[in-house]
PDB file of N, CA and C in Angstrom:
ATOM      1  N   MET A   1     120.912 113.336  56.738  1.00  0.00           N
ATOM      2  CA  MET A   1     120.578 114.329  57.942  1.00  0.00           C
ATOM      3  C   MET A   1     119.076 114.298  58.072  1.00  0.00           C
ATOM      4  N   PHE A   2     118.784 114.177  59.389  1.00  0.00           N
ATOM      5  CA  PHE A   2     117.380 114.188  59.747  1.00  0.00           C
ATOM      6  C   PHE A   2     117.166 115.501  60.671  1.00  0.00           C
ATOM      7  N   LEU A   3     116.265 116.360  60.244  1.00  0.00           N
ATOM      8  CA  LEU A   3     116.148 117.683  61.037  1.00  0.00           C
ATOM      9  C   LEU A   3     117.375 118.278  61.551  1.00  0.00           C
ATOM     10  N   GLY A   4     118.428 118.101  60.482  1.00  0.00           N
ATOM     11  CA  GLY A   4     119.597 118.749  60.828  1.00  0.00           C
ATOM     12  C   GLY A   4     120.548 118.135  61.622  1.00  0.00           C
ATOM     13  N   ILE A   5     120.381 116.745  62.010  1.00  0.00           N
ATOM     14  CA  ILE A   5     120.999 115.997  62.718  1.00  0.00           C
ATOM     15  C   ILE A   5     121.894 114.918  62.003  1.00  0.00           C
ATOM     16  N   PRO A   6     123.155 114.768  62.130  1.00  0.00           N
ATOM     17  CA  PRO A   6     123.917 113.812  61.338  1.00  0.00           C
ATOM     18  C   PRO A   6     123.340 112.398  61.488  1.00  0.00           C
ATOM     19  N   LYS A   7     123.359 111.569  60.546  1.00  0.00           N
ATOM     20  CA  LYS A   7     122.746 110.263  60.724  1.00  0.00           C
ATOM     21  C   LYS A   7     123.774 109.431  61.694  1.00  0.00           C
ATOM     22  N   ARG A   8     124.952 109.488  61.701  1.00  0.00           N
ATOM     23  CA  ARG A   8     125.864 109.051  62.697  1.00  0.00           C
ATOM     24  C   ARG A   8     125.349 109.195  64.172  1.00  0.00           C
ATOM     25  N   ALA A   9     125.162 110.480  64.412  1.00  0.00           N
ATOM     26  CA  ALA A   9     124.730 110.879  65.717  1.00  0.00           C
ATOM     27  C   ALA A   9     123.279 110.390  66.210  1.00  0.00           C
ATOM     28  N   LEU A  10     122.532 110.175  65.251  1.00  0.00           N
ATOM     29  CA  LEU A  10     121.200 109.589  65.502  1.00  0.00           C
ATOM     30  C   LEU A  10     121.389 107.997  65.778  1.00  0.00           C
ATOM     31  N   ILE A  11     122.028 107.416  65.199  1.00  0.00           N
ATOM     32  CA  ILE A  11     122.390 105.843  65.173  1.00  0.00           C
ATOM     33  C   ILE A  11     122.898 105.752  66.779  1.00  0.00           C
ATOM     34  N   ILE A  12     124.158 106.711  67.080  1.00  0.00           N
ATOM     35  CA  ILE A  12     124.606 106.464  68.465  1.00  0.00           C
ATOM     36  C   ILE A  12     123.643 106.581  69.651  1.00  0.00           C
ATOM     37  N   VAL A  13     122.870 107.891  69.404  1.00  0.00           N
ATOM     38  CA  VAL A  13     121.800 108.090  70.395  1.00  0.00           C
ATOM     39  C   VAL A  13     120.828 106.885  70.327  1.00  0.00           C
ATOM     40  N   ALA A  14     120.442 106.376  69.347  1.00  0.00           N
ATOM     41  CA  ALA A  14     119.500 105.133  69.432  1.00  0.00           C
ATOM     42  C   ALA A  14     120.081 103.998  70.068  1.00  0.00           C
ATOM     43  N   ILE A  15     121.260 103.663  69.833  1.00  0.00           N
ATOM     44  CA  ILE A  15     121.951 102.383  70.550  1.00  0.00           C
ATOM     45  C   ILE A  15     122.077 102.762  71.945  1.00  0.00           C
ATOM     46  N   LEU A  16     122.623 103.877  72.377  1.00  0.00           N
ATOM     47  CA  LEU A  16     122.663 104.178  73.689  1.00  0.00           C
ATOM     48  C   LEU A  16     121.232 104.108  74.429  1.00  0.00           C
ATOM     49  N   ALA A  17     120.133 104.738  73.734  1.00  0.00           N
ATOM     50  CA  ALA A  17     118.710 104.586  74.386  1.00  0.00           C
ATOM     51  C   ALA A  17     118.462 103.013  74.547  1.00  0.00           C
ATOM     52  N   GLY A  18     118.738 102.303  73.689  1.00  0.00           N
ATOM     53  CA  GLY A  18     118.435 100.887  73.566  1.00  0.00           C
ATOM     54  C   GLY A  18     118.990 100.062  74.698  1.00  0.00           C
ATOM     55  N   VAL A  19     120.379 100.364  74.974  1.00  0.00           N
ATOM     56  CA  VAL A  19     120.927  99.715  75.969  1.00  0.00           C
ATOM     57  C   VAL A  19     120.670 100.090  77.225  1.00  0.00           C
ATOM     58  N   GLY A  20     120.302 101.539  77.412  1.00  0.00           N
ATOM     59  CA  GLY A  20     119.674 102.122  78.540  1.00  0.00           C
ATOM     60  C   GLY A  20     118.272 101.375  79.056  1.00  0.00           C
ATOM     61  N   LEU A  21     117.494 101.151  78.015  1.00  0.00           N
ATOM     62  CA  LEU A  21     116.230 100.524  78.315  1.00  0.00           C
ATOM     63  C   LEU A  21     116.377  99.226  78.568  1.00  0.00           C
ATOM     64  N   ILE A  22     117.348  98.494  77.978  1.00  0.00           N
ATOM     65  CA  ILE A  22     117.397  97.071  78.375  1.00  0.00           C
ATOM     66  C   ILE A  22     118.082  97.012  79.715  1.00  0.00           C
ATOM     67  N   TYR A  23     118.952  97.749  80.135  1.00  0.00           N
ATOM     68  CA  TYR A  23     119.446  97.776  81.545  1.00  0.00           C
ATOM     69  C   TYR A  23     118.304  98.070  82.537  1.00  0.00           C
ATOM     70  N   VAL A  24     117.502  99.042  82.260  1.00  0.00           N
ATOM     71  CA  VAL A  24     116.451  99.349  83.217  1.00  0.00           C
ATOM     72  C   VAL A  24     115.414  98.367  83.395  1.00  0.00           C
ATOM     73  N   MET A  25     115.024  97.683  82.262  1.00  0.00           N
ATOM     74  CA  MET A  25     114.168  96.547  82.132  1.00  0.00           C
ATOM     75  C   MET A  25     114.468  95.389  82.982  1.00  0.00           C
ATOM     76  N   GLY A  26     115.961  95.115  82.730  1.00  0.00           N
ATOM     77  CA  GLY A  26     116.530  93.926  83.399  1.00  0.00           C
ATOM     78  C   GLY A  26     116.742  94.073  84.943  1.00  0.00           C
ATOM     79  N   SER A  27     116.971  95.265  85.285  1.00  0.00           N
ATOM     80  CA  SER A  27     117.160  95.616  86.761  1.00  0.00           C
ATOM     81  C   SER A  27     115.750  95.539  87.696  1.00  0.00           C
ATOM     82  N   ASP A  28     114.692  95.788  86.830  1.00  0.00           N
ATOM     83  CA  ASP A  28     113.335  95.782  87.431  1.00  0.00           C
ATOM     84  C   ASP A  28     112.912  94.473  88.077  1.00  0.00           C
ATOM     85  N   LYS A  29     113.401  93.279  87.334  1.00  0.00           N
ATOM     86  CA  LYS A  29     112.901  92.071  87.807  1.00  0.00           C
ATOM     87  C   LYS A  29     114.040  91.171  87.637  1.00  0.00           C
ATOM     88  N   GLN A  30     114.587  90.842  88.963  1.00  0.00           N
ATOM     89  CA  GLN A  30     115.612  89.857  88.871  1.00  0.00           C
ATOM     90  C   GLN A  30     115.478  88.910  90.233  1.00  0.00           C
ATOM     91  N   VAL A  31     115.850  87.729  90.170  1.00  0.00           N
ATOM     92  CA  VAL A  31     115.767  86.791  91.105  1.00  0.00           C
ATOM     93  C   VAL A  31     117.209  86.384  91.376  1.00  0.00           C
ATOM     94  N   SER A  32     117.721  86.627  92.689  1.00  0.00           N
ATOM     95  CA  SER A  32     119.058  86.102  92.983  1.00  0.00           C
ATOM     96  C   SER A  32     119.179  84.651  92.987  1.00  0.00           C
ATOM     97  N   GLU A  33     120.446  84.186  92.580  1.00  0.00           N
ATOM     98  CA  GLU A  33     120.570  82.768  92.611  1.00  0.00           C
ATOM     99  C   GLU A  33     121.006  82.334  93.963  1.00  0.00           C
ATOM    100  N   GLY A  34     120.892  81.151  94.303  1.00  0.00           N
ATOM    101  CA  GLY A  34     121.339  80.697  95.510  1.00  0.00           C
ATOM    102  C   GLY A  34     120.307  80.664  96.700  1.00  0.00           C
ATOM    103  N   ALA A  35     119.055  81.143  96.389  1.00  0.00           N
ATOM    104  CA  ALA A  35     118.032  81.105  97.362  1.00  0.00           C
ATOM    105  C   ALA A  35     117.954  79.743  98.098  1.00  0.00           C
ATOM    106  N   THR A  36     117.771  79.730  99.250  1.00  0.00           N
ATOM    107  CA  THR A  36     117.660  78.450 100.082  1.00  0.00           C
ATOM    108  C   THR A  36     116.213  78.592 100.731  1.00  0.00           C
ATOM    109  N   GLY A  37     115.824  77.535 101.352  1.00  0.00           N
ATOM    110  CA  GLY A  37     114.615  77.374 101.913  1.00  0.00           C
ATOM    111  C   GLY A  37     114.558  78.245 103.387  1.00  0.00           C
ATOM    112  N   GLY A  38     113.416  78.303 104.043  1.00  0.00           N
ATOM    113  CA  GLY A  38     113.382  78.960 105.275  1.00  0.00           C
ATOM    114  C   GLY A  38     113.484  80.445 105.000  1.00  0.00           C
ATOM    115  N   SER A  39     114.299  81.076 105.717  1.00  0.00           N
ATOM    116  CA  SER A  39     114.200  82.492 105.656  1.00  0.00           C
ATOM    117  C   SER A  39     115.063  82.998 104.366  1.00  0.00           C
ATOM    118  N   GLY A  40     115.590  82.061 103.541  1.00  0.00           N
ATOM    119  CA  GLY A  40     116.409  82.477 102.547  1.00  0.00           C
ATOM    120  C   GLY A  40     117.733  82.692 102.736  1.00  0.00           C
ATOM    121  N   GLY A  41     118.162  82.531 104.025  1.00  0.00           N
ATOM    122  CA  GLY A  41     119.645  82.603 104.493  1.00  0.00           C
ATOM    123  C   GLY A  41     120.107  84.162 104.317  1.00  0.00           C
ATOM    124  N   CYS A  42     119.341  85.079 104.523  1.00  0.00           N
ATOM    125  CA  CYS A  42     119.584  86.469 104.420  1.00  0.00           C
ATOM    126  C   CYS A  42     119.021  87.135 105.617  1.00  0.00           C
ATOM    127  N   ARG A  43     119.901  88.137 106.191  1.00  0.00           N
ATOM    128  CA  ARG A  43     119.411  89.116 106.995  1.00  0.00           C
ATOM    129  C   ARG A  43     119.816  90.457 106.690  1.00  0.00           C
ATOM    130  N   VAL A  44     118.860  91.318 106.991  1.00  0.00           N
ATOM    131  CA  VAL A  44     119.104  92.769 106.587  1.00  0.00           C
ATOM    132  C   VAL A  44     118.667  93.708 107.654  1.00  0.00           C
ATOM    133  N   THR A  45     119.274  94.977 107.653  1.00  0.00           N
ATOM    134  CA  THR A  45     119.169  96.036 108.445  1.00  0.00           C
ATOM    135  C   THR A  45     118.396  97.201 107.687  1.00  0.00           C
ATOM    136  N   VAL A  46     117.500  97.797 108.327  1.00  0.00           N
ATOM    137  CA  VAL A  46     116.816  98.808 107.669  1.00  0.00           C
ATOM    138  C   VAL A  46     117.441 100.143 107.857  1.00  0.00           C
ATOM    139  N   THR A  47     117.760 101.035 106.651  1.00  0.00           N
ATOM    140  CA  THR A  47     118.463 102.194 106.678  1.00  0.00           C
ATOM    141  C   THR A  47     117.500 103.423 106.717  1.00  0.00           C
ATOM    142  N   ALA A  48     116.182 103.316 106.442  1.00  0.00           N
ATOM    143  CA  ALA A  48     115.409 104.559 106.228  1.00  0.00           C
ATOM    144  C   ALA A  48     114.825 104.748 107.632  1.00  0.00           C
ATOM    145  N   ASP A  49     114.403 106.004 107.879  1.00  0.00           N
ATOM    146  CA  ASP A  49     113.795 106.192 109.263  1.00  0.00           C
ATOM    147  C   ASP A  49     112.738 105.378 109.434  1.00  0.00           C
ATOM    148  N   VAL A  50     111.728 105.354 108.534  1.00  0.00           N
ATOM    149  CA  VAL A  50     110.567 104.295 108.636  1.00  0.00           C
ATOM    150  C   VAL A  50     110.402 103.776 107.303  1.00  0.00           C
ATOM    151  N   LEU A  51     110.416 102.401 107.210  1.00  0.00           N
ATOM    152  CA  LEU A  51     110.390 101.751 106.006  1.00  0.00           C
ATOM    153  C   LEU A  51     108.998 100.965 105.779  1.00  0.00           C
ATOM    154  N   ASN A  52     108.241 101.083 104.913  1.00  0.00           N
ATOM    155  CA  ASN A  52     106.831 100.482 104.684  1.00  0.00           C
ATOM    156  C   ASN A  52     107.177  99.245 104.161  1.00  0.00           C
ATOM    157  N   VAL A  53     106.352  98.235 104.528  1.00  0.00           N
ATOM    158  CA  VAL A  53     106.369  96.779 104.177  1.00  0.00           C
ATOM    159  C   VAL A  53     104.980  96.566 103.258  1.00  0.00           C
ATOM    160  N   ARG A  54     105.223  96.227 102.007  1.00  0.00           N
ATOM    161  CA  ARG A  54     103.850  96.067 101.205  1.00  0.00           C
ATOM    162  C   ARG A  54     103.558  94.790 100.854  1.00  0.00           C
ATOM    163  N   ALA A  55     102.417  94.576 100.468  1.00  0.00           N
ATOM    164  CA  ALA A  55     101.751  93.374 100.123  1.00  0.00           C
ATOM    165  C   ALA A  55     102.266  92.881  98.805  1.00  0.00           C
ATOM    166  N   ALA A  56     103.052  93.447  97.946  1.00  0.00           N
ATOM    167  CA  ALA A  56     103.432  93.251  96.687  1.00  0.00           C
ATOM    168  C   ALA A  56     104.676  93.944  96.321  1.00  0.00           C
ATOM    169  N   PRO A  57     105.389  93.690  95.447  1.00  0.00           N
ATOM    170  CA  PRO A  57     106.617  94.336  95.079  1.00  0.00           C
ATOM    171  C   PRO A  57     106.221  95.467  94.000  1.00  0.00           C
ATOM    172  N   ASP A  58     105.401  96.506  94.815  1.00  0.00           N
ATOM    173  CA  ASP A  58     104.907  97.560  93.927  1.00  0.00           C
ATOM    174  C   ASP A  58     104.823  98.775  94.876  1.00  0.00           C
ATOM    175  N   ALA A  59     105.144 100.013  94.658  1.00  0.00           N
ATOM    176  CA  ALA A  59     104.994 101.182  95.446  1.00  0.00           C
ATOM    177  C   ALA A  59     103.580 101.706  95.617  1.00  0.00           C
ATOM    178  N   GLY A  60     102.540 100.935  94.780  1.00  0.00           N
ATOM    179  CA  GLY A  60     101.313 101.322  95.061  1.00  0.00           C
ATOM    180  C   GLY A  60     100.658 100.258  95.743  1.00  0.00           C
ATOM    181  N   ALA A  61     101.238  99.146  96.232  1.00  0.00           N
ATOM    182  CA  ALA A  61     100.587  98.111  97.028  1.00  0.00           C
ATOM    183  C   ALA A  61     100.244  98.405  98.415  1.00  0.00           C
ATOM    184  N   ASP A  62      99.344  97.851  99.002  1.00  0.00           N
ATOM    185  CA  ASP A  62      98.872  97.986 100.272  1.00  0.00           C
ATOM    186  C   ASP A  62     100.222  97.858 101.346  1.00  0.00           C
ATOM    187  N   ILE A  63     100.252  98.759 102.133  1.00  0.00           N
ATOM    188  CA  ILE A  63     101.123  98.738 103.267  1.00  0.00           C
ATOM    189  C   ILE A  63     100.754  97.777 104.452  1.00  0.00           C
ATOM    190  N   VAL A  64     101.510  96.721 104.635  1.00  0.00           N
ATOM    191  CA  VAL A  64     101.158  95.802 105.573  1.00  0.00           C
ATOM    192  C   VAL A  64     101.982  95.705 106.894  1.00  0.00           C
ATOM    193  N   GLY A  65     102.745  96.596 107.022  1.00  0.00           N
ATOM    194  CA  GLY A  65     103.703  96.719 108.125  1.00  0.00           C
ATOM    195  C   GLY A  65     104.648  97.850 107.771  1.00  0.00           C
ATOM    196  N   LYS A  66     105.516  98.073 109.053  1.00  0.00           N
ATOM    197  CA  LYS A  66     106.527  99.128 108.946  1.00  0.00           C
ATOM    198  C   LYS A  66     107.656  98.743 109.784  1.00  0.00           C
ATOM    199  N   PHE A  67     108.967  99.189 109.427  1.00  0.00           N
ATOM    200  CA  PHE A  67     110.165  98.897 110.222  1.00  0.00           C
ATOM    201  C   PHE A  67     110.801 100.364 110.573  1.00  0.00           C
ATOM    202  N   ASN A  68     111.309 100.624 111.614  1.00  0.00           N
ATOM    203  CA  ASN A  68     112.093 101.590 112.149  1.00  0.00           C
ATOM    204  C   ASN A  68     113.421 101.371 111.602  1.00  0.00           C
ATOM    205  N   GLN A  69     114.054 102.583 111.681  1.00  0.00           N
ATOM    206  CA  GLN A  69     115.796 102.586 111.304  1.00  0.00           C
ATOM    207  C   GLN A  69     116.282 101.739 112.112  1.00  0.00           C
ATOM    208  N   ASN A  70     117.285 101.025 111.679  1.00  0.00           N
ATOM    209  CA  ASN A  70     118.186 100.074 112.310  1.00  0.00           C
ATOM    210  C   ASN A  70     117.582  98.614 112.757  1.00  0.00           C
ATOM    211  N   ALA A  71     116.268  98.477 112.423  1.00  0.00           N
ATOM    212  CA  ALA A  71     115.561  97.255 112.704  1.00  0.00           C
ATOM    213  C   ALA A  71     116.221  96.135 111.766  1.00  0.00           C
ATOM    214  N   GLU A  72     116.360  94.838 112.309  1.00  0.00           N
ATOM    215  CA  GLU A  72     116.807  93.850 111.632  1.00  0.00           C
ATOM    216  C   GLU A  72     115.744  92.643 111.326  1.00  0.00           C
ATOM    217  N   THR A  73     115.837  92.138 110.271  1.00  0.00           N
ATOM    218  CA  THR A  73     114.875  91.117 109.917  1.00  0.00           C
ATOM    219  C   THR A  73     115.347  90.172 108.981  1.00  0.00           C
ATOM    220  N   ASP A  74     114.753  88.926 108.978  1.00  0.00           N
ATOM    221  CA  ASP A  74     115.120  87.971 107.940  1.00  0.00           C
ATOM    222  C   ASP A  74     114.630  88.215 106.541  1.00  0.00           C
ATOM    223  N   ALA A  75     115.184  88.080 105.554  1.00  0.00           N
ATOM    224  CA  ALA A  75     114.723  88.397 104.144  1.00  0.00           C
ATOM    225  C   ALA A  75     115.023  87.173 103.257  1.00  0.00           C
ATOM    226  N   GLN A  76     114.397  87.280 102.122  1.00  0.00           N
ATOM    227  CA  GLN A  76     114.753  86.275 101.053  1.00  0.00           C
ATOM    228  C   GLN A  76     115.523  86.654  99.918  1.00  0.00           C
ATOM    229  N   ALA A  77     115.957  85.975  99.215  1.00  0.00           N
ATOM    230  CA  ALA A  77     116.999  86.291  98.006  1.00  0.00           C
ATOM    231  C   ALA A  77     116.258  87.063  96.946  1.00  0.00           C
ATOM    232  N   GLU A  78     114.915  86.757  96.853  1.00  0.00           N
ATOM    233  CA  GLU A  78     113.975  87.257  95.621  1.00  0.00           C
ATOM    234  C   GLU A  78     113.850  88.655  95.750  1.00  0.00           C
ATOM    235  N   VAL A  79     114.137  89.362  94.448  1.00  0.00           N
ATOM    236  CA  VAL A  79     113.958  90.764  94.342  1.00  0.00           C
ATOM    237  C   VAL A  79     113.378  90.976  93.114  1.00  0.00           C
ATOM    238  N   GLN A  80     112.273  91.739  93.110  1.00  0.00           N
ATOM    239  CA  GLN A  80     111.422  92.220  91.997  1.00  0.00           C
ATOM    240  C   GLN A  80     111.042  93.779  92.040  1.00  0.00           C
ATOM    241  N   ASN A  81     111.330  94.280  90.957  1.00  0.00           N
ATOM    242  CA  ASN A  81     110.839  95.666  90.777  1.00  0.00           C
ATOM    243  C   ASN A  81     111.575  96.765  91.864  1.00  0.00           C
ATOM    244  N   GLY A  82     112.716  96.287  92.409  1.00  0.00           N
ATOM    245  CA  GLY A  82     113.484  97.054  93.350  1.00  0.00           C
ATOM    246  C   GLY A  82     112.920  96.741  94.893  1.00  0.00           C
ATOM    247  N   PHE A  83     112.051  95.773  94.823  1.00  0.00           N
ATOM    248  CA  PHE A  83     111.666  95.246  96.276  1.00  0.00           C
ATOM    249  C   PHE A  83     112.113  93.863  96.669  1.00  0.00           C
ATOM    250  N   ARG A  84     112.563  93.686  97.874  1.00  0.00           N
ATOM    251  CA  ARG A  84     113.000  92.320  98.378  1.00  0.00           C
ATOM    252  C   ARG A  84     111.976  91.804  99.177  1.00  0.00           C
ATOM    253  N   LYS A  85     111.757  90.485  98.830  1.00  0.00           N
ATOM    254  CA  LYS A  85     110.722  89.720  99.683  1.00  0.00           C
ATOM    255  C   LYS A  85     111.363  89.392 101.049  1.00  0.00           C
ATOM    256  N   ILE A  86     110.522  89.763 101.997  1.00  0.00           N
ATOM    257  CA  ILE A  86     110.714  89.633 103.444  1.00  0.00           C
ATOM    258  C   ILE A  86     110.042  88.297 104.008  1.00  0.00           C
ATOM    259  N   ALA A  87     108.826  88.182 103.407  1.00  0.00           N
ATOM    260  CA  ALA A  87     107.998  87.048 103.784  1.00  0.00           C
ATOM    261  C   ALA A  87     106.916  86.930 102.964  1.00  0.00           C
ATOM    262  N   GLU A  88     106.126  85.753 102.805  1.00  0.00           N
ATOM    263  CA  GLU A  88     104.924  85.675 101.963  1.00  0.00           C
ATOM    264  C   GLU A  88     104.179  87.071 102.196  1.00  0.00           C
ATOM    265  N   ASN A  89     103.966  87.571 100.844  1.00  0.00           N
ATOM    266  CA  ASN A  89     103.189  88.862 100.872  1.00  0.00           C
ATOM    267  C   ASN A  89     103.559  90.010 101.566  1.00  0.00           C
ATOM    268  N   LYS A  90     104.991  90.023 101.732  1.00  0.00           N
ATOM    269  CA  LYS A  90     105.527  91.203 102.578  1.00  0.00           C
ATOM    270  C   LYS A  90     106.942  91.433 101.697  1.00  0.00           C
ATOM    271  N   TRP A  91     106.916  92.711 101.247  1.00  0.00           N
ATOM    272  CA  TRP A  91     108.119  93.231 100.360  1.00  0.00           C
ATOM    273  C   TRP A  91     108.534  94.677 100.915  1.00  0.00           C
ATOM    274  N   ALA A  92     109.754  94.905 100.690  1.00  0.00           N
ATOM    275  CA  ALA A  92     110.369  96.190 101.241  1.00  0.00           C
ATOM    276  C   ALA A  92     111.305  96.564 100.234  1.00  0.00           C
ATOM    277  N   LYS A  93     111.485  97.839  99.964  1.00  0.00           N
ATOM    278  CA  LYS A  93     112.273  98.593  98.945  1.00  0.00           C
ATOM    279  C   LYS A  93     113.904  98.214  99.416  1.00  0.00           C
ATOM    280  N   THR A  94     114.425  97.626  98.323  1.00  0.00           N
ATOM    281  CA  THR A  94     115.768  97.150  98.360  1.00  0.00           C
ATOM    282  C   THR A  94     116.785  98.327  98.795  1.00  0.00           C
ATOM    283  N   GLU A  95     116.513  99.601  98.172  1.00  0.00           N
ATOM    284  CA  GLU A  95     117.526 100.574  98.535  1.00  0.00           C
ATOM    285  C   GLU A  95     117.513 101.058  99.939  1.00  0.00           C
ATOM    286  N   TYR A  96     116.550 100.586 100.890  1.00  0.00           N
ATOM    287  CA  TYR A  96     116.388 100.865 102.356  1.00  0.00           C
ATOM    288  C   TYR A  96     116.972  99.708 103.080  1.00  0.00           C
ATOM    289  N   LEU A  97     117.394  98.552 102.520  1.00  0.00           N
ATOM    290  CA  LEU A  97     117.862  97.381 103.175  1.00  0.00           C
ATOM    291  C   LEU A  97     119.401  97.220 102.998  1.00  0.00           C
ATOM    292  N   GLN A  98     119.998  97.055 104.123  1.00  0.00           N
ATOM    293  CA  GLN A  98     121.602  96.746 104.120  1.00  0.00           C
ATOM    294  C   GLN A  98     121.748  95.284 104.481  1.00  0.00           C
ATOM    295  N   PRO A  99     122.168  94.423 103.573  1.00  0.00           N
ATOM    296  CA  PRO A  99     122.599  93.017 104.039  1.00  0.00           C
ATOM    297  C   PRO A  99     123.543  93.058 105.283  1.00  0.00           C
ATOM    298  N   VAL A 100     123.007  92.182 106.212  1.00  0.00           N
ATOM    299  CA  VAL A 100     123.839  91.895 107.321  1.00  0.00           C
ATOM    300  C   VAL A 100     124.766  90.457 107.251  1.00  0.00           C
ATOM    301  N   SER A 101     123.931  89.464 106.916  1.00  0.00           N
ATOM    302  CA  SER A 101     124.667  88.319 106.666  1.00  0.00           C
ATOM    303  C   SER A 101     123.922  87.420 105.459  1.00  0.00           C
ATOM    304  N   GLY A 102     124.443  86.321 105.202  1.00  0.00           N
ATOM    305  CA  GLY A 102     123.802  85.700 104.122  1.00  0.00           C
ATOM    306  C   GLY A 102     124.027  85.880 102.693  1.00  0.00           C
ATOM    307  N   ASN A 103     123.385  85.416 101.990  1.00  0.00           N
ATOM    308  CA  ASN A 103     123.434  85.518 100.374  1.00  0.00           C
ATOM    309  C   ASN A 103     122.175  86.502  99.857  1.00  0.00           C
ATOM    310  N   CYS A 104     122.345  87.801 100.442  1.00  0.00           N
ATOM    311  CA  CYS A 104     121.376  88.700  99.965  1.00  0.00           C
ATOM    312  C   CYS A 104     121.679  89.266  98.708  1.00  0.00           C
TER     313      CYS A 104
END
């Protein structure tokens, strides 16, 4: 026992925390397979009222543009840190992009 907690419970909590950490780290940076040249063969619709387009896949990166709700744009299959690459140095949060066609 450690601090009154049974050893078995501590092991289970540690394993669950480890699996959760691996899941979170793995979902932050992923590149989708099958990316093609050009626009990446992907078209998306904006679901947010106003969506900021950033210079890098980071919430603190400079805003380089904006999309209004229901706007459609070409996108690439590349996703990093929860942002989808729209074009060179243009990234938008994936949770506000709905795939229309292609391999998003």
